[in-house]
Amino acid sequence: MRAAAQTLIARHGYAAVSMRQIAAEVGVQAGALYLYTPDKQTLLFDLMRLHMEELLAAYEALAVPRDPREALARFARFHIGYHIDRPEAVFIAYMELRNLSPENFAEIERLRRRYERHLEAILERGAAERVFDLPDVRLASLALIAMLTGVTNWYREGGRLGREEVQAIYADMALKAVAAVTHICS
């Protein structure tokens, strides 16, 4: 049910998808969906929350290098590698926020903020150690996440550049965006 809902919402938008359409995609009567979710709003929230919780768990399981440059390069590679396989979930997580109830929006924002905070901590450490030159850590964090997430809009497996090449190029661009004092290539 979640997979069908995710595909339909990513393709047509939350407002345009009905519970009947989701049920038809799954091959059940619409009423059967309500055994699993009370309503479409809860289903959307569950999709977004699951995406954010899995993203956080995956990132927080990684060891973060002490060197801010290495940590930023690793964050960039992780972000792209994680999101590149989940374009529908990413689209919904970013484009359907407006359709959440205020309480659900607040919860997703809390999870997003927790993830953003990891990047901010790397940038703050780099600025404190004078290996990054940035006028505003929060703005740099948001700009980097937007840049990294944008890969899901155009990347296709088997395209001109492979996954590892894209990750390396974006890691290098992230370092240049914060005016990293020394180039690293790991």
Protein backbone atom coordinates (compact mmCIF):
# COMPACT_ATOMS: atom_id res chain seq x y z
CA MET A 1 0.00 0.00 0.00
CA ARG A 2 2.76 2.44 0.93
CA ALA A 3 4.71 1.67 -2.24
CA ALA A 4 1.63 2.20 -4.41
CA ALA A 5 0.75 5.43 -2.61
CA GLN A 6 4.32 6.69 -2.90
CA THR A 7 4.45 6.04 -6.64
CA LEU A 8 1.05 7.61 -7.31
CA ILE A 9 1.69 10.68 -5.15
CA ALA A 10 5.14 11.21 -6.68
CA ARG A 11 3.68 10.92 -10.18
CA HIS A 12 0.44 12.89 -9.78
CA GLY A 13 0.72 14.87 -6.54
CA TYR A 14 -0.98 14.32 -3.23
CA ALA A 15 -4.07 16.40 -4.00
CA ALA A 16 -4.74 14.54 -7.25
CA VAL A 17 -4.51 11.02 -5.79
CA SER A 18 -7.49 9.43 -4.11
CA MET A 19 -7.67 6.51 -1.73
CA ARG A 20 -9.68 4.73 -4.45
CA GLN A 21 -6.76 5.09 -6.86
CA ILE A 22 -4.35 3.73 -4.29
CA ALA A 23 -6.69 0.81 -3.57
CA ALA A 24 -7.05 0.06 -7.28
CA GLU A 25 -3.27 0.06 -7.65
CA VAL A 26 -2.95 -2.40 -4.75
CA GLY A 27 -5.86 -4.49 -6.01
CA VAL A 28 -8.23 -4.08 -3.05
CA GLN A 29 -11.43 -2.20 -2.32
CA ALA A 30 -10.94 1.34 -1.01
CA GLY A 31 -12.45 0.37 2.34
CA ALA A 32 -9.67 -2.18 2.88
CA LEU A 33 -7.08 0.61 2.99
CA TYR A 34 -8.69 1.99 6.11
CA LEU A 35 -7.64 -1.15 7.95
CA TYR A 36 -4.06 0.12 7.56
CA THR A 37 -4.42 3.87 7.75
CA PRO A 38 -7.20 6.10 9.07
CA ASP A 39 -6.96 8.58 6.17
CA LYS A 40 -4.88 9.93 3.29
CA GLN A 41 -3.25 12.60 5.49
CA THR A 42 -1.92 9.93 7.85
CA LEU A 43 -0.66 7.93 4.89
CA LEU A 44 1.25 10.95 3.54
CA PHE A 45 2.67 11.68 6.98
CA ASP A 46 3.72 8.05 7.43
CA LEU A 47 5.53 8.08 4.07
CA MET A 48 7.43 11.24 4.98
CA ARG A 49 8.18 10.17 8.54
CA LEU A 50 9.45 6.77 7.43
CA HIS A 51 11.73 8.40 4.85
CA MET A 52 13.19 10.79 7.42
CA GLU A 53 13.59 8.18 10.15
CA GLU A 54 15.37 5.78 7.79
CA LEU A 55 17.59 8.59 6.49
CA LEU A 56 18.54 9.62 10.03
CA ALA A 57 19.20 6.04 11.13
CA ALA A 58 21.43 5.41 8.11
CA TYR A 59 23.43 8.60 8.60
CA GLU A 60 23.71 8.30 12.36
CA ALA A 61 25.10 4.77 11.95
CA LEU A 62 28.12 6.19 10.10
CA ALA A 63 31.33 7.21 11.78
CA VAL A 64 31.93 10.92 11.19
CA PRO A 65 35.57 11.76 10.45
CA ARG A 66 37.18 14.30 12.75
CA ASP A 67 38.52 16.41 9.88
CA PRO A 68 35.67 18.70 8.79
CA ARG A 69 36.71 18.43 5.13
CA GLU A 70 36.53 14.65 5.21
CA ALA A 71 33.28 14.82 7.18
CA LEU A 72 31.71 17.17 4.60
CA ALA A 73 32.86 14.99 1.70
CA ARG A 74 31.42 11.93 3.44
CA PHE A 75 28.14 13.73 4.16
CA ALA A 76 27.83 14.74 0.48
CA ARG A 77 28.56 11.23 -0.74
CA PHE A 78 26.15 9.73 1.78
CA HIS A 79 23.35 12.18 0.97
CA ILE A 80 23.59 11.53 -2.75
CA GLY A 81 24.06 7.78 -2.40
CA TYR A 82 21.09 7.48 -0.08
CA HIS A 83 18.72 9.70 -2.04
CA ILE A 84 19.64 8.60 -5.55
CA ASP A 85 17.85 5.28 -4.98
CA ARG A 86 14.73 6.94 -3.54
CA PRO A 87 13.62 9.68 -5.95
CA GLU A 88 9.91 9.20 -5.21
CA ALA A 89 10.39 9.39 -1.45
CA VAL A 90 12.60 12.47 -1.87
CA PHE A 91 10.08 14.19 -4.13
CA ILE A 92 7.29 13.60 -1.64
CA ALA A 93 9.41 14.61 1.36
CA TYR A 94 10.22 17.96 -0.22
CA MET A 95 7.28 18.80 -2.45
CA GLU A 96 4.30 17.64 -0.42
CA LEU A 97 5.08 19.38 2.87
CA ARG A 98 2.38 21.94 2.10
CA ASN A 99 -0.25 19.19 2.30
CA LEU A 100 0.55 18.16 5.86
CA SER A 101 -1.59 19.21 8.79
CA PRO A 102 0.17 21.66 11.12
CA GLU A 103 0.94 18.92 13.69
CA ASN A 104 2.32 16.54 11.07
CA PHE A 105 4.28 19.35 9.43
CA ALA A 106 5.88 20.18 12.79
CA GLU A 107 6.98 16.58 13.28
CA ILE A 108 8.51 16.28 9.81
CA GLU A 109 10.23 19.64 10.26
CA ARG A 110 11.68 18.38 13.56
CA LEU A 111 13.13 15.33 11.80
CA ARG A 112 14.44 17.41 8.90
CA ARG A 113 16.04 19.84 11.32
CA ARG A 114 17.75 16.95 13.12
CA TYR A 115 19.27 15.83 9.82
CA GLU A 116 20.28 19.37 8.84
CA ARG A 117 21.90 19.77 12.24
CA HIS A 118 24.41 17.05 11.37
CA LEU A 119 25.61 19.08 8.40
CA GLU A 120 25.59 22.30 10.40
CA ALA A 121 27.82 20.67 13.03
CA ILE A 122 30.34 19.75 10.33
CA LEU A 123 30.26 23.29 8.92
CA GLU A 124 30.56 24.87 12.37
CA ARG A 125 33.57 22.70 13.17
CA GLY A 126 35.17 23.60 9.83
CA ALA A 127 34.58 27.29 10.42
CA ALA A 128 35.95 27.09 13.96
CA GLU A 129 39.06 25.31 12.70
CA ARG A 130 39.36 27.87 9.88
CA VAL A 131 39.28 25.26 7.13
CA PHE A 132 35.90 26.55 5.87
CA ASP A 133 35.14 30.15 5.11
CA LEU A 134 31.40 30.79 5.27
CA PRO A 135 29.42 33.83 6.26
CA ASP A 136 26.38 31.91 7.55
CA VAL A 137 26.42 28.25 8.59
CA ARG A 138 22.64 27.77 8.44
CA LEU A 139 22.38 29.24 4.96
CA ALA A 140 25.33 27.18 3.75
CA SER A 141 23.73 24.05 5.20
CA LEU A 142 20.43 24.66 3.43
CA ALA A 143 22.15 25.52 0.16
CA LEU A 144 24.29 22.38 0.26
CA ILE A 145 21.33 20.13 1.04
CA ALA A 146 19.35 21.68 -1.83
CA MET A 147 22.27 21.16 -4.19
CA LEU A 148 22.82 17.56 -3.10
CA THR A 149 19.15 16.64 -3.15
CA GLY A 150 18.74 18.03 -6.66
CA VAL A 151 20.63 15.03 -8.04
CA THR A 152 17.46 12.94 -7.74
CA ASN A 153 15.83 15.14 -10.41
CA TRP A 154 18.25 14.21 -13.16
CA TYR A 155 20.39 11.20 -12.25
CA ARG A 156 19.64 7.99 -14.12
CA GLU A 157 21.45 4.69 -13.58
CA GLY A 158 23.48 3.88 -16.69
CA GLY A 159 23.82 7.54 -17.65
CA ARG A 160 26.95 9.42 -18.68
CA LEU A 161 28.30 9.55 -15.13
CA GLY A 162 28.22 6.67 -12.69
CA ARG A 163 27.06 6.93 -9.10
CA GLU A 164 30.58 7.11 -7.65
CA GLU A 165 31.63 9.79 -10.13
CA VAL A 166 28.58 11.89 -9.28
CA GLN A 167 29.24 11.46 -5.57
CA ALA A 168 32.90 12.48 -5.97
CA ILE A 169 32.07 15.53 -8.10
CA TYR A 170 29.39 16.71 -5.68
CA ALA A 171 31.66 16.14 -2.67
CA ASP A 172 34.27 18.31 -4.40
CA MET A 173 31.66 20.99 -5.22
CA ALA A 174 30.46 20.97 -1.60
CA LEU A 175 34.02 21.56 -0.41
CA LYS A 176 34.49 24.38 -2.89
CA ALA A 177 31.16 25.92 -1.89
CA VAL A 178 32.41 26.37 1.68
CA ALA A 179 35.79 27.59 0.46
CA ALA A 180 37.56 24.60 1.94
CA VAL A 181 41.17 25.58 2.50
CA THR A 182 42.59 22.30 1.22
CA HIS A 183 41.22 19.99 -1.46
CA ILE A 184 40.79 16.37 -0.37
CA CYS A 185 40.06 13.45 -2.64
CA SER A 186 38.94 10.48 -0.63
